[in-house]
Amino acid sequence: MENGNNLLTPEQVAGILQVHVLTVYSYIRRGSLGAVRLGRSYRIIPEELALFIESNRVKKRQAMEVNSPVSHPKRGRT
């Protein structure tokens, strides 16, 4: 890393991922998104964000399963 100018705030990452900022903090706490703690705040290295996105990429087969209709049996009916 050349300098600290390319570190991202959790708010910026939330905007990029289009999720709530608390979701980003949750990813950091769980360890699924690498971050650097500076005092009381976190910063995310862009390479860590790229790894996070890649590790959560939906494979072609998974995407097809999500889009296919699934029939569910009736629940609790006799």
PDB file of N, CA and C in Angstrom:
ATOM      1  N   MET A   1       0.855  -1.173   0.000  1.00  0.00           N
ATOM      2  CA  MET A   1       0.000   0.000   0.000  1.00  0.00           C
ATOM      3  C   MET A   1       0.898   1.232   0.000  1.00  0.00           C
ATOM      4  N   GLU A   2       0.619   2.125  -0.904  1.00  0.00           N
ATOM      5  CA  GLU A   2       1.470   3.290  -1.072  1.00  0.00           C
ATOM      6  C   GLU A   2       1.251   4.329   0.019  1.00  0.00           C
ATOM      7  N   ASN A   3      -0.025   4.671   0.293  1.00  0.00           N
ATOM      8  CA  ASN A   3      -0.317   5.654   1.330  1.00  0.00           C
ATOM      9  C   ASN A   3      -1.709   5.399   1.884  1.00  0.00           C
ATOM     10  N   GLY A   4      -2.071   6.105   2.910  1.00  0.00           N
ATOM     11  CA  GLY A   4      -3.359   5.900   3.562  1.00  0.00           C
ATOM     12  C   GLY A   4      -4.536   6.536   2.853  1.00  0.00           C
ATOM     13  N   ASN A   5      -4.305   7.229   1.747  1.00  0.00           N
ATOM     14  CA  ASN A   5      -5.396   7.909   1.052  1.00  0.00           C
ATOM     15  C   ASN A   5      -6.388   6.962   0.414  1.00  0.00           C
ATOM     16  N   ASN A   6      -5.991   5.705   0.176  1.00  0.00           N
ATOM     17  CA  ASN A   6      -6.913   4.800  -0.470  1.00  0.00           C
ATOM     18  C   ASN A   6      -7.632   3.884   0.522  1.00  0.00           C
ATOM     19  N   LEU A   7      -7.570   4.171   1.795  1.00  0.00           N
ATOM     20  CA  LEU A   7      -8.352   3.428   2.775  1.00  0.00           C
ATOM     21  C   LEU A   7      -9.801   3.900   2.714  1.00  0.00           C
ATOM     22  N   LEU A   8     -10.718   2.963   2.902  1.00  0.00           N
ATOM     23  CA  LEU A   8     -12.143   3.285   2.826  1.00  0.00           C
ATOM     24  C   LEU A   8     -12.767   3.286   4.216  1.00  0.00           C
ATOM     25  N   THR A   9     -13.717   4.162   4.436  1.00  0.00           N
ATOM     26  CA  THR A   9     -14.471   4.169   5.685  1.00  0.00           C
ATOM     27  C   THR A   9     -15.595   3.134   5.573  1.00  0.00           C
ATOM     28  N   PRO A  10     -16.117   2.674   6.706  1.00  0.00           N
ATOM     29  CA  PRO A  10     -17.276   1.774   6.652  1.00  0.00           C
ATOM     30  C   PRO A  10     -18.458   2.392   5.898  1.00  0.00           C
ATOM     31  N   GLU A  11     -18.622   3.695   5.998  1.00  0.00           N
ATOM     32  CA  GLU A  11     -19.703   4.375   5.293  1.00  0.00           C
ATOM     33  C   GLU A  11     -19.508   4.285   3.776  1.00  0.00           C
ATOM     34  N   GLN A  12     -18.261   4.451   3.318  1.00  0.00           N
ATOM     35  CA  GLN A  12     -17.972   4.339   1.894  1.00  0.00           C
ATOM     36  C   GLN A  12     -18.216   2.914   1.398  1.00  0.00           C
ATOM     37  N   VAL A  13     -17.781   1.944   2.195  1.00  0.00           N
ATOM     38  CA  VAL A  13     -17.983   0.540   1.830  1.00  0.00           C
ATOM     39  C   VAL A  13     -19.473   0.220   1.776  1.00  0.00           C
ATOM     40  N   ALA A  14     -20.242   0.744   2.733  1.00  0.00           N
ATOM     41  CA  ALA A  14     -21.695   0.534   2.723  1.00  0.00           C
ATOM     42  C   ALA A  14     -22.291   1.082   1.426  1.00  0.00           C
ATOM     43  N   GLY A  15     -21.822   2.225   0.979  1.00  0.00           N
ATOM     44  CA  GLY A  15     -22.302   2.797  -0.276  1.00  0.00           C
ATOM     45  C   GLY A  15     -21.938   1.943  -1.474  1.00  0.00           C
ATOM     46  N   ILE A  16     -20.726   1.420  -1.479  1.00  0.00           N
ATOM     47  CA  ILE A  16     -20.275   0.578  -2.587  1.00  0.00           C
ATOM     48  C   ILE A  16     -21.093  -0.712  -2.643  1.00  0.00           C
ATOM     49  N   LEU A  17     -21.304  -1.337  -1.476  1.00  0.00           N
ATOM     50  CA  LEU A  17     -22.031  -2.608  -1.423  1.00  0.00           C
ATOM     51  C   LEU A  17     -23.543  -2.425  -1.411  1.00  0.00           C
ATOM     52  N   GLN A  18     -23.989  -1.205  -1.236  1.00  0.00           N
ATOM     53  CA  GLN A  18     -25.414  -0.877  -1.147  1.00  0.00           C
ATOM     54  C   GLN A  18     -26.084  -1.633   0.000  1.00  0.00           C
ATOM     55  N   VAL A  19     -25.434  -1.566   1.169  1.00  0.00           N
ATOM     56  CA  VAL A  19     -25.973  -2.138   2.396  1.00  0.00           C
ATOM     57  C   VAL A  19     -25.894  -1.066   3.479  1.00  0.00           C
ATOM     58  N   HIS A  20     -26.527  -1.314   4.607  1.00  0.00           N
ATOM     59  CA  HIS A  20     -26.485  -0.380   5.726  1.00  0.00           C
ATOM     60  C   HIS A  20     -25.102  -0.417   6.361  1.00  0.00           C
ATOM     61  N   VAL A  21     -24.665   0.686   6.906  1.00  0.00           N
ATOM     62  CA  VAL A  21     -23.339   0.763   7.521  1.00  0.00           C
ATOM     63  C   VAL A  21     -23.209  -0.223   8.690  1.00  0.00           C
ATOM     64  N   LEU A  22     -24.295  -0.494   9.404  1.00  0.00           N
ATOM     65  CA  LEU A  22     -24.225  -1.466  10.496  1.00  0.00           C
ATOM     66  C   LEU A  22     -23.948  -2.877   9.977  1.00  0.00           C
ATOM     67  N   THR A  23     -24.368  -3.153   8.751  1.00  0.00           N
ATOM     68  CA  THR A  23     -24.056  -4.440   8.128  1.00  0.00           C
ATOM     69  C   THR A  23     -22.557  -4.547   7.890  1.00  0.00           C
ATOM     70  N   VAL A  24     -21.933  -3.467   7.469  1.00  0.00           N
ATOM     71  CA  VAL A  24     -20.481  -3.446   7.256  1.00  0.00           C
ATOM     72  C   VAL A  24     -19.770  -3.701   8.577  1.00  0.00           C
ATOM     73  N   TYR A  25     -20.207  -3.049   9.650  1.00  0.00           N
ATOM     74  CA  TYR A  25     -19.599  -3.289  10.961  1.00  0.00           C
ATOM     75  C   TYR A  25     -19.776  -4.738  11.387  1.00  0.00           C
ATOM     76  N   SER A  26     -20.898  -5.339  11.044  1.00  0.00           N
ATOM     77  CA  SER A  26     -21.136  -6.745  11.350  1.00  0.00           C
ATOM     78  C   SER A  26     -20.149  -7.633  10.596  1.00  0.00           C
ATOM     79  N   TYR A  27     -19.921  -7.349   9.326  1.00  0.00           N
ATOM     80  CA  TYR A  27     -18.941  -8.105   8.543  1.00  0.00           C
ATOM     81  C   TYR A  27     -17.557  -7.996   9.173  1.00  0.00           C
ATOM     82  N   ILE A  28     -17.212  -6.819   9.643  1.00  0.00           N
ATOM     83  CA  ILE A  28     -15.902  -6.599  10.272  1.00  0.00           C
ATOM     84  C   ILE A  28     -15.806  -7.407  11.567  1.00  0.00           C
ATOM     85  N   ARG A  29     -16.841  -7.318  12.408  1.00  0.00           N
ATOM     86  CA  ARG A  29     -16.826  -8.051  13.686  1.00  0.00           C
ATOM     87  C   ARG A  29     -16.738  -9.561  13.487  1.00  0.00           C
ATOM     88  N   ARG A  30     -17.439 -10.076  12.472  1.00  0.00           N
ATOM     89  CA  ARG A  30     -17.408 -11.515  12.193  1.00  0.00           C
ATOM     90  C   ARG A  30     -16.082 -11.955  11.585  1.00  0.00           C
ATOM     91  N   GLY A  31     -15.323 -10.997  11.068  1.00  0.00           N
ATOM     92  CA  GLY A  31     -14.046 -11.324  10.460  1.00  0.00           C
ATOM     93  C   GLY A  31     -14.142 -11.657   8.981  1.00  0.00           C
ATOM     94  N   SER A  32     -15.309 -11.473   8.393  1.00  0.00           N
ATOM     95  CA  SER A  32     -15.445 -11.777   6.971  1.00  0.00           C
ATOM     96  C   SER A  32     -14.978 -10.625   6.088  1.00  0.00           C
ATOM     97  N   LEU A  33     -14.862  -9.434   6.656  1.00  0.00           N
ATOM     98  CA  LEU A  33     -14.311  -8.275   5.942  1.00  0.00           C
ATOM     99  C   LEU A  33     -13.149  -7.737   6.760  1.00  0.00           C
ATOM    100  N   GLY A  34     -11.957  -7.817   6.174  1.00  0.00           N
ATOM    101  CA  GLY A  34     -10.765  -7.341   6.862  1.00  0.00           C
ATOM    102  C   GLY A  34     -10.762  -5.828   6.999  1.00  0.00           C
ATOM    103  N   ALA A  35     -10.348  -5.351   8.156  1.00  0.00           N
ATOM    104  CA  ALA A  35     -10.297  -3.911   8.402  1.00  0.00           C
ATOM    105  C   ALA A  35      -9.129  -3.594   9.326  1.00  0.00           C
ATOM    106  N   VAL A  36      -8.763  -2.327   9.335  1.00  0.00           N
ATOM    107  CA  VAL A  36      -7.710  -1.825  10.212  1.00  0.00           C
ATOM    108  C   VAL A  36      -8.379  -0.904  11.222  1.00  0.00           C
ATOM    109  N   ARG A  37      -8.052  -1.079  12.488  1.00  0.00           N
ATOM    110  CA  ARG A  37      -8.622  -0.200  13.510  1.00  0.00           C
ATOM    111  C   ARG A  37      -7.639   0.935  13.772  1.00  0.00           C
ATOM    112  N   LEU A  38      -8.131   2.149  13.617  1.00  0.00           N
ATOM    113  CA  LEU A  38      -7.326   3.342  13.874  1.00  0.00           C
ATOM    114  C   LEU A  38      -8.025   4.135  14.970  1.00  0.00           C
ATOM    115  N   GLY A  39      -7.524   4.027  16.177  1.00  0.00           N
ATOM    116  CA  GLY A  39      -8.198   4.674  17.304  1.00  0.00           C
ATOM    117  C   GLY A  39      -9.546   4.023  17.536  1.00  0.00           C
ATOM    118  N   ARG A  40     -10.609   4.803  17.405  1.00  0.00           N
ATOM    119  CA  ARG A  40     -11.960   4.287  17.613  1.00  0.00           C
ATOM    120  C   ARG A  40     -12.684   3.973  16.310  1.00  0.00           C
ATOM    121  N   SER A  41     -11.999   4.131  15.188  1.00  0.00           N
ATOM    122  CA  SER A  41     -12.665   3.926  13.904  1.00  0.00           C
ATOM    123  C   SER A  41     -11.990   2.813  13.105  1.00  0.00           C
ATOM    124  N   TYR A  42     -12.696   2.335  12.108  1.00  0.00           N
ATOM    125  CA  TYR A  42     -12.185   1.304  11.214  1.00  0.00           C
ATOM    126  C   TYR A  42     -11.940   1.887   9.835  1.00  0.00           C
ATOM    127  N   ARG A  43     -10.978   1.304   9.140  1.00  0.00           N
ATOM    128  CA  ARG A  43     -10.731   1.609   7.739  1.00  0.00           C
ATOM    129  C   ARG A  43     -10.551   0.291   7.023  1.00  0.00           C
ATOM    130  N   ILE A  44     -11.045   0.240   5.794  1.00  0.00           N
ATOM    131  CA  ILE A  44     -10.984  -0.971   5.003  1.00  0.00           C
ATOM    132  C   ILE A  44     -10.033  -0.745   3.834  1.00  0.00           C
ATOM    133  N   ILE A  45      -9.102  -1.662   3.647  1.00  0.00           N
ATOM    134  CA  ILE A  45      -8.176  -1.616   2.522  1.00  0.00           C
ATOM    135  C   ILE A  45      -8.934  -2.102   1.286  1.00  0.00           C
ATOM    136  N   PRO A  46      -8.857  -1.386   0.180  1.00  0.00           N
ATOM    137  CA  PRO A  46      -9.601  -1.782  -1.023  1.00  0.00           C
ATOM    138  C   PRO A  46      -9.376  -3.237  -1.446  1.00  0.00           C
ATOM    139  N   GLU A  47      -8.158  -3.738  -1.264  1.00  0.00           N
ATOM    140  CA  GLU A  47      -7.887  -5.132  -1.617  1.00  0.00           C
ATOM    141  C   GLU A  47      -8.701  -6.082  -0.744  1.00  0.00           C
ATOM    142  N   GLU A  48      -8.900  -5.731   0.529  1.00  0.00           N
ATOM    143  CA  GLU A  48      -9.724  -6.553   1.429  1.00  0.00           C
ATOM    144  C   GLU A  48     -11.181  -6.554   0.973  1.00  0.00           C
ATOM    145  N   LEU A  49     -11.652  -5.398   0.511  1.00  0.00           N
ATOM    146  CA  LEU A  49     -13.017  -5.315  -0.004  1.00  0.00           C
ATOM    147  C   LEU A  49     -13.163  -6.173  -1.259  1.00  0.00           C
ATOM    148  N   ALA A  50     -12.173  -6.141  -2.128  1.00  0.00           N
ATOM    149  CA  ALA A  50     -12.214  -6.963  -3.342  1.00  0.00           C
ATOM    150  C   ALA A  50     -12.242  -8.449  -2.992  1.00  0.00           C
ATOM    151  N   LEU A  51     -11.464  -8.867  -2.002  1.00  0.00           N
ATOM    152  CA  LEU A  51     -11.477 -10.263  -1.556  1.00  0.00           C
ATOM    153  C   LEU A  51     -12.838 -10.637  -0.977  1.00  0.00           C
ATOM    154  N   PHE A  52     -13.411  -9.740  -0.203  1.00  0.00           N
ATOM    155  CA  PHE A  52     -14.729  -9.984   0.382  1.00  0.00           C
ATOM    156  C   PHE A  52     -15.773 -10.170  -0.714  1.00  0.00           C
ATOM    157  N   ILE A  53     -15.751  -9.306  -1.694  1.00  0.00           N
ATOM    158  CA  ILE A  53     -16.716  -9.402  -2.793  1.00  0.00           C
ATOM    159  C   ILE A  53     -16.520 -10.713  -3.550  1.00  0.00           C
ATOM    160  N   GLU A  54     -15.289 -11.055  -3.842  1.00  0.00           N
ATOM    161  CA  GLU A  54     -15.011 -12.294  -4.575  1.00  0.00           C
ATOM    162  C   GLU A  54     -15.437 -13.527  -3.774  1.00  0.00           C
ATOM    163  N   SER A  55     -15.205 -13.511  -2.478  1.00  0.00           N
ATOM    164  CA  SER A  55     -15.564 -14.671  -1.656  1.00  0.00           C
ATOM    165  C   SER A  55     -17.075 -14.815  -1.495  1.00  0.00           C
ATOM    166  N   ASN A  56     -17.821 -13.776  -1.786  1.00  0.00           N
ATOM    167  CA  ASN A  56     -19.281 -13.831  -1.690  1.00  0.00           C
ATOM    168  C   ASN A  56     -19.957 -13.871  -3.049  1.00  0.00           C
ATOM    169  N   ARG A  57     -19.164 -14.060  -4.073  1.00  0.00           N
ATOM    170  CA  ARG A  57     -19.706 -14.125  -5.436  1.00  0.00           C
ATOM    171  C   ARG A  57     -20.590 -15.359  -5.561  1.00  0.00           C
ATOM    172  N   VAL A  58     -21.738 -15.192  -6.190  1.00  0.00           N
ATOM    173  CA  VAL A  58     -22.657 -16.295  -6.430  1.00  0.00           C
ATOM    174  C   VAL A  58     -22.224 -16.989  -7.715  1.00  0.00           C
ATOM    175  N   LYS A  59     -22.015 -18.282  -7.601  1.00  0.00           N
ATOM    176  CA  LYS A  59     -21.628 -19.060  -8.781  1.00  0.00           C
ATOM    177  C   LYS A  59     -22.827 -19.230  -9.693  1.00  0.00           C
ATOM    178  N   LYS A  60     -22.578 -19.554 -10.939  1.00  0.00           N
ATOM    179  CA  LYS A  60     -23.637 -19.653 -11.938  1.00  0.00           C
ATOM    180  C   LYS A  60     -24.712 -20.647 -11.501  1.00  0.00           C
ATOM    181  N   ARG A  61     -24.341 -21.805 -10.994  1.00  0.00           N
ATOM    182  CA  ARG A  61     -25.298 -22.820 -10.564  1.00  0.00           C
ATOM    183  C   ARG A  61     -26.148 -22.304  -9.402  1.00  0.00           C
ATOM    184  N   GLN A  62     -25.523 -21.613  -8.444  1.00  0.00           N
ATOM    185  CA  GLN A  62     -26.261 -21.055  -7.312  1.00  0.00           C
ATOM    186  C   GLN A  62     -27.277 -20.021  -7.781  1.00  0.00           C
ATOM    187  N   ALA A  63     -26.896 -19.204  -8.748  1.00  0.00           N
ATOM    188  CA  ALA A  63     -27.806 -18.183  -9.259  1.00  0.00           C
ATOM    189  C   ALA A  63     -29.002 -18.831  -9.935  1.00  0.00           C
ATOM    190  N   MET A  64     -28.779 -19.930 -10.644  1.00  0.00           N
ATOM    191  CA  MET A  64     -29.870 -20.623 -11.304  1.00  0.00           C
ATOM    192  C   MET A  64     -30.823 -21.220 -10.272  1.00  0.00           C
ATOM    193  N   GLU A  65     -30.282 -21.741  -9.162  1.00  0.00           N
ATOM    194  CA  GLU A  65     -31.120 -22.324  -8.119  1.00  0.00           C
ATOM    195  C   GLU A  65     -31.994 -21.258  -7.460  1.00  0.00           C
ATOM    196  N   VAL A  66     -31.475 -20.077  -7.298  1.00  0.00           N
ATOM    197  CA  VAL A  66     -32.230 -18.984  -6.684  1.00  0.00           C
ATOM    198  C   VAL A  66     -33.390 -18.578  -7.583  1.00  0.00           C
ATOM    199  N   ASN A  67     -33.173 -18.579  -8.872  1.00  0.00           N
ATOM    200  CA  ASN A  67     -34.182 -18.137  -9.826  1.00  0.00           C
ATOM    201  C   ASN A  67     -35.189 -19.219 -10.215  1.00  0.00           C
ATOM    202  N   SER A  68     -34.916 -20.484  -9.874  1.00  0.00           N
ATOM    203  CA  SER A  68     -35.834 -21.540 -10.278  1.00  0.00           C
ATOM    204  C   SER A  68     -36.997 -21.640  -9.295  1.00  0.00           C
ATOM    205  N   PRO A  69     -38.208 -21.906  -9.808  1.00  0.00           N
ATOM    206  CA  PRO A  69     -39.362 -22.032  -8.916  1.00  0.00           C
ATOM    207  C   PRO A  69     -39.257 -23.317  -8.097  1.00  0.00           C
ATOM    208  N   VAL A  70     -39.620 -23.204  -6.840  1.00  0.00           N
ATOM    209  CA  VAL A  70     -39.560 -24.347  -5.933  1.00  0.00           C
ATOM    210  C   VAL A  70     -40.939 -24.557  -5.358  1.00  0.00           C
ATOM    211  N   SER A  71     -41.407 -25.807  -5.435  1.00  0.00           N
ATOM    212  CA  SER A  71     -42.712 -26.084  -4.843  1.00  0.00           C
ATOM    213  C   SER A  71     -42.512 -26.546  -3.410  1.00  0.00           C
ATOM    214  N   HIS A  72     -43.272 -25.968  -2.510  1.00  0.00           N
ATOM    215  CA  HIS A  72     -43.201 -26.313  -1.097  1.00  0.00           C
ATOM    216  C   HIS A  72     -44.482 -27.020  -0.709  1.00  0.00           C
ATOM    217  N   PRO A  73     -44.367 -28.112   0.047  1.00  0.00           N
ATOM    218  CA  PRO A  73     -45.590 -28.765   0.514  1.00  0.00           C
ATOM    219  C   PRO A  73     -46.332 -27.870   1.488  1.00  0.00           C
ATOM    220  N   LYS A  74     -47.625 -28.032   1.543  1.00  0.00           N
ATOM    221  CA  LYS A  74     -48.429 -27.242   2.476  1.00  0.00           C
ATOM    222  C   LYS A  74     -48.021 -27.587   3.890  1.00  0.00           C
ATOM    223  N   ARG A  75     -47.913 -26.568   4.717  1.00  0.00           N
ATOM    224  CA  ARG A  75     -47.460 -26.779   6.092  1.00  0.00           C
ATOM    225  C   ARG A  75     -48.649 -26.819   7.031  1.00  0.00           C
ATOM    226  N   GLY A  76     -48.621 -27.782   7.944  1.00  0.00           N
ATOM    227  CA  GLY A  76     -49.589 -27.832   9.026  1.00  0.00           C
ATOM    228  C   GLY A  76     -51.010 -28.148   8.607  1.00  0.00           C
ATOM    229  N   ARG A  77     -51.202 -28.594   7.409  1.00  0.00           N
ATOM    230  CA  ARG A  77     -52.564 -28.915   6.951  1.00  0.00           C
ATOM    231  C   ARG A  77     -52.731 -30.410   6.865  1.00  0.00           C
ATOM    232  N   THR A  78     -53.863 -30.891   7.282  1.00  0.00           N
ATOM    233  CA  THR A  78     -54.128 -32.325   7.190  1.00  0.00           C
ATOM    234  C   THR A  78     -55.401 -32.583   6.420  1.00  0.00           C
TER     235      THR A  78
END
